[in-house]
Structures are given as structure tokens and as C-alpha cells.
Amino acid sequence: MKKEILETLKKNSEIFVSGEELSNKIGVTRAAVWKHIKQMKEEGYEIEAVSRKGYRLTGEPDILDAKSLEIELNCQSLTKKVIHYDNIDSTNTQAKILASRGACEGTVLLAEEQTGGRGRLGRHWIAPKGTGIWMSIILKPDIEPSEAAKITQIAAAAATMAVREITGCEAGIKWPNDIIVKGKKICGILTEMSGELNSISYIVVGIGINVNMGMEDFPYELREKATSLKECSGKIVSRKKLVISVLTHFEKYYFNFLESKNVRSSVDICKKYSVTLGKQVKIMQRGMEMLGEALDITEDGELMIKNDKGEIEKIVSGEVSVRGINGYI
């Protein structure tokens, strides 16, 4: 019922909608309509109520409300269901549980706060309440397990385009899974898969974006390496608009991948906005360190490097650091 009321008010935001019209449309009493309007106000929705005119939506809270997002994403083909948590250990962990229990492809999990957020290699991800986007998407593509890593390139391209579109910040991609603004990390991507030798049960892609965090929200040891979109743009950023943009771009690149059987469109974006190509890199693989120069990203999303022996190699995955003015980042 809340979703139907909110959808009606959003579609008629320039005019008042009477309580009688809402009650007839939804099939409940006017008292029930008022009860839900009151609850929405308590949640932070700004709703003007005028006697004999009705209700008008004048503002929305910066919370990643599932019902509101489902309304905004109604034209999408991928996003089937949005689940919102006020507090959770990890959206990726919960997404894997739901996926194993049969949750459909296109289920999106969002949290206001994560207490056990994870990055690559099990690193802890700082995720304070109401300041960022902590999101996981459940996917069930009909692809070979060896192609699962390509989803990271799709997510990186989507996040980069969304950040540029919504904030104007010149976001770049540090292959394969970090988004960088002004030399510091603002977004990380964690792709996890469950399957058998020749088939995928599900893929969960987690996207964490530092949106409205202040530098005081970061541990001291991370302040030279991480930042937020608010710090970079100098203004508060709408998390809802950013989520919608990420999911819209992701859908486009994901379906293109499934239809064309390649990630060329995503790779083109990853190359165009790369902060890795042409730089000296340090790559950690299975406990071994490799130094080289990043030359290109292949059509399959592999990083092509010239190692310190002058040999050309293709890197499918690994922990990559790029040499900058102040050392490797």
C-alpha cells in the first residue's frame, strides 16, 4: 500500500491528490491512507497536506528506500526486487544466502550501514551509516564459470559512468575493480561466484561507494588512499540518484554482454577512463609479486603487461597497484 501511495504522489508531484482519490485507487479507507501518509512523514518524506485539496509530495529523505527505488526503476528489465536493510553485516554475504535459497536474478540488496563489509582478499570495508552505497546484485547468467570475472569489468564501467554522470567528478578505473577520483579510491567492487565445473549457480557483485563521508569517517591510515564523492565534489551527493544511475548503466552493459557474448562495450569504457594503462604496476598473484608496465586491456577484460623481463603477459586477475607520485596505490 505504501508503494502505491508513494507512486501516485510521485507521478502527481505538481498537484494535490485527494484522500478520496487515493482511497478509491488503492481500495482502502481514507483513514488507512492517512495512517500511511503519517508513517511516510515519520520516515522523512515531505508531504504537504491541505484541507479539501489533499496531499502533495514535496521532498524525499536520502535513504535508499526499497519501494521508492522500485518505482524509479520500473522501466528496468534487470532489477526485479530491491531489499533494503538499515543495518547488516555484509550485503554480499546476505545476497549469497538469498541466492542459494532461490532468490531471482536482479535482486538488489542495499544497506544504510554494514558492520562486516568486505573488500578483496577479505579486507574490511568501512561503511558508516547513511553515508555511502553498500549494494549487492544477484545474477544468474548462462555463461561459463571462466567468464565470471568479466562481470567485474561491467560493474566498473557502470560505476564509473554513474559517478561521472551524477557528480561530474572525473572518475577513473584502476584495473580491475577500483574506482579512483583525484588519486584516491572512492569505490570498490567484489564479485563472488558459486557454481560447478561447467555451470554457474549464481554470481553476486558487490559495489561499495564512499558517497557523503567526511575525512573524519576514515581511519587515519586510509586518509591518504581513500576519499568520498562529497570530498571530491564539494557537495552532498544524492545516493538514490547514484544507485539508479549505477543500476541503469549496469543493466545496459550486462545485457549487451549476454547478447553479444563479449564485454567490448564495458572494456572500451575501462580503457578510456583507465588510471592503470601506461603506468608501472605491481601485481600480486598467489603470493608472488610481479612488476611491469600496463599496456592494454584485451577484449576479454584481461590486463596486458610487459613484465620486468620484457615479456608480454595477460593477467586475468590479481591485486594490482599503480605507481604514482607517492609510490604505489
Protein backbone atom coordinates (compact mmCIF):
# COMPACT_ATOMS: atom_id res chain seq x y z
CA MET A 1 0.00 0.00 0.00
CA LYS A 2 2.82 2.42 0.82
CA LYS A 3 4.35 1.79 -2.60
CA GLU A 4 1.04 2.56 -4.35
CA ILE A 5 0.55 5.79 -2.39
CA LEU A 6 4.12 6.89 -2.98
CA GLU A 7 3.93 6.05 -6.69
CA THR A 8 0.74 8.08 -7.08
CA LEU A 9 2.19 11.09 -5.24
CA LYS A 10 5.45 10.92 -7.23
CA LYS A 11 3.58 10.82 -10.54
CA ASN A 12 1.49 13.83 -9.48
CA SER A 13 4.14 15.83 -7.64
CA GLU A 14 2.98 19.15 -9.17
CA ILE A 15 -0.60 18.84 -7.93
CA PHE A 16 -2.53 17.77 -4.83
CA VAL A 17 -4.07 14.29 -4.75
CA SER A 18 -7.15 14.00 -2.57
CA GLY A 19 -7.51 11.39 0.14
CA GLU A 20 -10.66 10.18 -1.56
CA GLU A 21 -8.84 9.64 -4.85
CA LEU A 22 -6.07 7.73 -3.08
CA SER A 23 -8.51 5.56 -1.14
CA ASN A 24 -10.53 4.74 -4.28
CA LYS A 25 -7.39 3.99 -6.30
CA ILE A 26 -5.88 1.67 -3.69
CA GLY A 27 -9.12 0.25 -2.31
CA VAL A 28 -8.73 1.24 1.35
CA THR A 29 -10.36 3.72 3.70
CA ARG A 30 -9.26 7.35 3.90
CA ALA A 31 -8.22 6.64 7.49
CA ALA A 32 -5.84 3.95 6.23
CA VAL A 33 -4.44 6.39 3.67
CA TRP A 34 -3.79 8.95 6.40
CA LYS A 35 -2.10 6.31 8.55
CA HIS A 36 0.37 5.53 5.76
CA ILE A 37 0.91 9.22 4.97
CA LYS A 38 1.76 9.79 8.64
CA GLN A 39 4.20 6.87 8.60
CA MET A 40 5.88 8.20 5.45
CA LYS A 41 6.29 11.61 7.09
CA GLU A 42 7.97 9.94 10.07
CA GLU A 43 10.36 8.26 7.63
CA GLY A 44 11.40 11.65 6.28
CA TYR A 45 9.12 12.15 3.28
CA GLU A 46 7.96 15.76 2.97
CA ILE A 47 4.23 15.65 2.24
CA GLU A 48 2.11 18.78 2.21
CA ALA A 49 -1.45 18.20 3.43
CA VAL A 50 -4.12 20.83 2.74
CA SER A 51 -7.76 20.54 3.74
CA ARG A 52 -10.12 19.96 0.78
CA LYS A 53 -7.14 19.62 -1.56
CA GLY A 54 -5.30 16.51 -0.39
CA TYR A 55 -1.63 15.58 -0.38
CA ARG A 56 1.42 16.64 -2.37
CA LEU A 57 4.93 15.16 -2.21
CA THR A 58 7.48 17.98 -1.86
CA GLY A 59 10.63 16.14 -0.79
CA GLU A 60 12.18 12.76 -0.09
CA PRO A 61 14.74 11.59 2.50
CA ASP A 62 18.21 10.46 1.47
CA ILE A 63 17.53 6.85 2.38
CA LEU A 64 17.71 4.01 -0.11
CA ASP A 65 14.07 3.09 0.39
CA ALA A 66 13.19 -0.10 -1.46
CA LYS A 67 9.69 0.97 -2.53
CA SER A 68 10.85 4.32 -3.86
CA LEU A 69 13.69 2.72 -5.81
CA GLU A 70 11.41 0.05 -7.28
CA ILE A 71 9.14 2.84 -8.55
CA GLU A 72 12.07 4.73 -10.09
CA LEU A 73 13.48 1.54 -11.66
CA ASN A 74 10.14 0.36 -13.03
CA CYS A 75 11.36 0.71 -16.63
CA GLN A 76 14.33 -1.57 -15.95
CA SER A 77 14.41 -5.15 -17.14
CA LEU A 78 17.12 -6.40 -14.77
CA THR A 79 16.14 -5.14 -11.32
CA LYS A 80 13.29 -7.37 -10.14
CA LYS A 81 13.32 -6.71 -6.40
CA VAL A 82 15.02 -4.27 -4.04
CA ILE A 83 15.70 -5.25 -0.43
CA HIS A 84 16.75 -2.51 1.98
CA TYR A 85 18.47 -3.06 5.33
CA ASP A 86 19.05 -0.45 7.99
CA ASN A 87 22.00 -2.44 9.31
CA ILE A 88 23.63 -5.65 8.11
CA ASP A 89 26.98 -7.38 8.37
CA SER A 90 27.55 -7.59 4.60
CA THR A 91 25.20 -7.27 1.63
CA ASN A 92 27.35 -9.75 -0.31
CA THR A 93 27.10 -12.33 2.47
CA GLN A 94 23.32 -11.92 2.67
CA ALA A 95 22.98 -11.95 -1.12
CA LYS A 96 24.78 -15.29 -1.31
CA ILE A 97 22.41 -16.73 1.30
CA LEU A 98 19.37 -15.48 -0.61
CA ALA A 99 20.74 -16.64 -3.96
CA SER A 100 21.37 -20.14 -2.59
CA ARG A 101 17.74 -20.20 -1.42
CA GLY A 102 16.42 -19.34 -4.87
CA ALA A 103 16.30 -15.54 -4.99
CA CYS A 104 15.80 -14.44 -8.59
CA GLU A 105 18.29 -12.71 -10.83
CA GLY A 106 18.02 -8.97 -10.47
CA THR A 107 17.52 -9.00 -6.70
CA VAL A 108 19.34 -5.93 -5.35
CA LEU A 109 20.35 -5.61 -1.71
CA LEU A 110 21.13 -2.21 -0.18
CA ALA A 111 22.18 -1.28 3.33
CA GLU A 112 22.36 2.01 5.21
CA GLU A 113 25.22 0.53 7.25
CA GLN A 114 27.50 -2.51 7.05
CA THR A 115 29.28 -3.81 10.12
CA GLY A 116 31.22 -6.56 8.33
CA GLY A 117 31.71 -5.19 4.83
CA ARG A 118 34.42 -6.93 2.83
CA GLY A 119 36.72 -5.94 0.03
CA ARG A 120 39.00 -8.18 -1.97
CA LEU A 121 41.25 -10.62 -0.08
CA GLY A 122 38.94 -10.37 2.94
CA ARG A 123 39.87 -6.76 3.73
CA HIS A 124 37.47 -4.87 5.97
CA TRP A 125 35.42 -2.20 4.19
CA ILE A 126 34.49 0.87 6.23
CA ALA A 127 30.75 1.51 5.77
CA PRO A 128 29.31 4.06 8.23
CA LYS A 129 25.57 4.63 8.38
CA GLY A 130 23.81 6.75 5.78
CA THR A 131 26.97 7.94 4.04
CA GLY A 132 27.54 5.53 1.17
CA ILE A 133 26.16 2.96 -1.21
CA TRP A 134 26.66 -0.58 0.03
CA MET A 135 24.97 -2.71 -2.62
CA SER A 136 24.94 -6.27 -3.98
CA ILE A 137 23.29 -7.59 -7.14
CA ILE A 138 22.32 -11.25 -7.62
CA LEU A 139 22.95 -12.54 -11.16
CA LYS A 140 22.31 -15.92 -12.76
CA PRO A 141 23.80 -15.68 -16.25
CA ASP A 142 24.06 -18.62 -18.62
CA ILE A 143 27.81 -18.33 -19.11
CA GLU A 144 30.88 -20.43 -18.43
CA PRO A 145 32.42 -20.07 -14.95
CA SER A 146 35.63 -18.86 -16.58
CA GLU A 147 33.74 -15.79 -17.80
CA ALA A 148 32.51 -14.71 -14.36
CA ALA A 149 35.41 -12.29 -13.91
CA LYS A 150 34.03 -10.22 -16.79
CA ILE A 151 31.19 -9.11 -14.53
CA THR A 152 33.73 -7.03 -12.60
CA GLN A 153 34.57 -5.07 -15.76
CA ILE A 154 30.85 -4.45 -16.34
CA ALA A 155 30.39 -3.20 -12.78
CA ALA A 156 33.48 -0.98 -13.00
CA ALA A 157 32.23 0.60 -16.22
CA ALA A 158 28.75 1.15 -14.74
CA ALA A 159 30.02 2.69 -11.50
CA THR A 160 32.43 4.99 -13.34
CA MET A 161 29.81 6.27 -15.77
CA ALA A 162 27.33 6.79 -12.92
CA VAL A 163 29.81 8.79 -10.82
CA ARG A 164 30.69 10.97 -13.80
CA GLU A 165 27.03 11.45 -14.71
CA ILE A 166 25.71 12.32 -11.24
CA THR A 167 28.65 14.20 -9.70
CA GLY A 168 30.78 15.47 -12.57
CA CYS A 169 33.84 14.01 -10.82
CA GLU A 170 36.46 12.65 -13.22
CA ALA A 171 36.35 9.05 -12.05
CA GLY A 172 38.94 6.60 -13.35
CA ILE A 173 39.32 2.82 -13.17
CA LYS A 174 42.23 1.03 -11.56
CA TRP A 175 42.03 -2.40 -13.15
CA PRO A 176 40.13 -4.48 -12.36
CA ASN A 177 37.88 -3.34 -9.52
CA ASP A 178 38.68 0.06 -8.01
CA ILE A 179 37.25 3.46 -8.98
CA ILE A 180 39.61 6.36 -8.36
CA VAL A 181 38.95 10.11 -8.08
CA LYS A 182 41.82 12.59 -7.59
CA GLY A 183 44.25 9.75 -6.96
CA LYS A 184 42.19 8.18 -4.17
CA LYS A 185 39.78 5.26 -4.02
CA ILE A 186 36.06 6.03 -3.83
CA CYS A 187 34.61 2.69 -4.92
CA GLY A 188 35.46 -0.98 -4.72
CA ILE A 189 33.87 -3.97 -6.44
CA LEU A 190 33.77 -7.54 -5.13
CA THR A 191 32.49 -10.28 -7.45
CA GLU A 192 31.81 -13.71 -5.97
CA MET A 193 30.57 -16.85 -7.70
CA SER A 194 29.04 -20.18 -6.76
CA GLY A 195 28.87 -22.99 -9.26
CA GLU A 196 30.24 -26.26 -10.54
CA LEU A 197 32.92 -27.10 -13.08
CA ASN A 198 30.83 -26.22 -16.12
CA SER A 199 27.94 -24.17 -14.76
CA ILE A 200 27.19 -21.15 -12.60
CA SER A 201 24.63 -21.28 -9.81
CA TYR A 202 24.82 -17.55 -9.16
CA ILE A 203 27.11 -14.53 -9.18
CA VAL A 204 26.97 -11.78 -6.57
CA VAL A 205 28.56 -8.47 -7.48
CA GLY A 206 29.08 -6.09 -4.57
CA ILE A 207 29.61 -2.38 -5.15
CA GLY A 208 30.69 -0.09 -2.33
CA ILE A 209 30.84 3.66 -2.96
CA ASN A 210 32.01 6.29 -0.50
CA VAL A 211 29.42 8.99 -1.15
CA ASN A 212 28.90 11.50 1.65
CA MET A 213 31.61 10.54 4.11
CA GLY A 214 33.82 13.20 5.63
CA MET A 215 37.54 12.55 6.02
CA GLU A 216 36.93 12.11 9.76
CA ASP A 217 34.93 8.99 8.89
CA PHE A 218 38.04 7.27 7.51
CA PRO A 219 40.63 5.64 9.77
CA TYR A 220 43.80 7.74 9.86
CA GLU A 221 45.81 5.13 7.94
CA LEU A 222 43.37 5.25 4.99
CA ARG A 223 43.12 9.01 4.54
CA GLU A 224 45.96 9.10 2.02
CA LYS A 225 44.38 6.34 -0.06
CA ALA A 226 40.61 6.75 0.20
CA THR A 227 38.13 9.61 -0.18
CA SER A 228 34.44 10.27 -0.85
CA LEU A 229 32.42 11.90 -3.60
CA LYS A 230 31.41 14.67 -1.20
CA GLU A 231 35.05 15.48 -0.50
CA CYS A 232 35.87 15.46 -4.23
CA SER A 233 32.85 17.39 -5.48
CA GLY A 234 32.44 19.75 -2.53
CA LYS A 235 28.74 18.97 -2.19
CA ILE A 236 26.30 16.42 -0.80
CA VAL A 237 25.50 13.77 -3.43
CA SER A 238 22.11 12.07 -3.81
CA ARG A 239 22.69 8.41 -3.05
CA LYS A 240 19.37 7.45 -4.63
CA LYS A 241 20.21 9.13 -7.96
CA LEU A 242 23.60 7.45 -7.92
CA VAL A 243 22.12 3.99 -7.23
CA ILE A 244 19.63 4.42 -10.06
CA SER A 245 22.38 5.51 -12.44
CA VAL A 246 24.67 2.60 -11.47
CA LEU A 247 21.87 0.05 -11.98
CA THR A 248 20.76 1.62 -15.26
CA HIS A 249 24.28 1.53 -16.72
CA PHE A 250 24.90 -1.95 -15.31
CA GLU A 251 21.76 -3.31 -16.96
CA LYS A 252 22.80 -1.92 -20.35
CA TYR A 253 26.33 -3.36 -20.24
CA TYR A 254 25.21 -6.67 -18.70
CA PHE A 255 22.55 -7.41 -21.31
CA ASN A 256 24.96 -6.34 -24.04
CA PHE A 257 27.41 -8.93 -22.67
CA LEU A 258 24.79 -11.69 -22.64
CA GLU A 259 23.61 -10.88 -26.17
CA SER A 260 26.96 -10.25 -27.85
CA LYS A 261 28.95 -12.79 -25.80
CA ASN A 262 31.67 -10.18 -25.19
CA VAL A 263 32.38 -7.25 -22.87
CA ARG A 264 33.77 -4.95 -25.54
CA SER A 265 31.45 -2.05 -24.63
CA SER A 266 32.46 -2.25 -20.97
CA VAL A 267 36.15 -2.72 -21.79
CA ASP A 268 36.08 0.36 -24.03
CA ILE A 269 34.94 2.40 -21.02
CA CYS A 270 37.50 0.74 -18.75
CA LYS A 271 40.23 1.64 -21.25
CA LYS A 272 39.00 5.18 -21.87
CA TYR A 273 38.98 6.03 -18.17
CA SER A 274 41.85 3.79 -17.06
CA VAL A 275 44.33 5.05 -14.47
CA THR A 276 46.34 1.87 -14.98
CA LEU A 277 47.33 1.82 -18.65
CA GLY A 278 50.72 3.30 -19.46
CA LYS A 279 51.78 3.09 -15.81
CA GLN A 280 54.23 0.93 -13.93
CA VAL A 281 52.30 -1.68 -11.97
CA LYS A 282 52.91 -4.18 -9.21
CA ILE A 283 50.78 -7.32 -9.36
CA MET A 284 50.30 -9.84 -6.56
CA GLN A 285 49.20 -13.31 -7.67
CA ARG A 286 49.11 -16.34 -5.39
CA GLY A 287 51.66 -14.77 -3.08
CA MET A 288 54.04 -13.87 -5.93
CA GLU A 289 54.92 -10.28 -6.87
CA MET A 290 55.34 -9.17 -10.47
CA LEU A 291 56.47 -5.78 -11.77
CA GLY A 292 55.74 -4.46 -15.22
CA GLU A 293 54.15 -1.84 -17.43
CA ALA A 294 50.41 -1.93 -18.15
CA LEU A 295 49.97 -1.86 -21.92
CA ASP A 296 46.34 -2.64 -22.74
CA ILE A 297 43.11 -4.33 -21.71
CA THR A 298 42.03 -7.12 -24.05
CA GLU A 299 38.51 -7.58 -25.40
CA ASP A 300 38.04 -10.24 -22.71
CA GLY A 301 38.96 -7.80 -19.95
CA GLU A 302 42.47 -9.16 -19.29
CA LEU A 303 45.27 -6.77 -18.41
CA MET A 304 48.16 -6.96 -20.86
CA ILE A 305 51.53 -6.07 -19.34
CA LYS A 306 55.20 -6.05 -20.26
CA ASN A 307 56.97 -7.66 -17.32
CA ASP A 308 60.39 -6.70 -15.99
CA LYS A 309 61.93 -9.27 -18.35
CA GLY A 310 60.42 -7.55 -21.37
CA GLU A 311 57.90 -10.34 -21.95
CA ILE A 312 54.23 -9.69 -22.77
CA GLU A 313 51.75 -11.34 -20.40
CA LYS A 314 47.99 -11.37 -19.97
CA ILE A 315 46.71 -11.06 -16.42
CA VAL A 316 43.23 -12.47 -15.74
CA SER A 317 43.06 -11.47 -12.08
CA GLY A 318 45.30 -10.23 -9.32
CA GLU A 319 45.92 -7.48 -6.81
CA VAL A 320 47.19 -4.52 -8.85
CA SER A 321 48.96 -1.44 -7.53
CA VAL A 322 49.78 1.51 -9.78
CA ARG A 323 52.90 3.60 -9.25
CA GLY A 324 52.13 7.27 -8.68
CA ILE A 325 53.94 10.29 -7.31
CA ASN A 326 53.78 8.99 -3.74
CA GLY A 327 54.52 5.35 -4.53
CA TYR A 328 52.10 2.56 -5.42
CA ILE A 329 48.37 2.98 -4.86
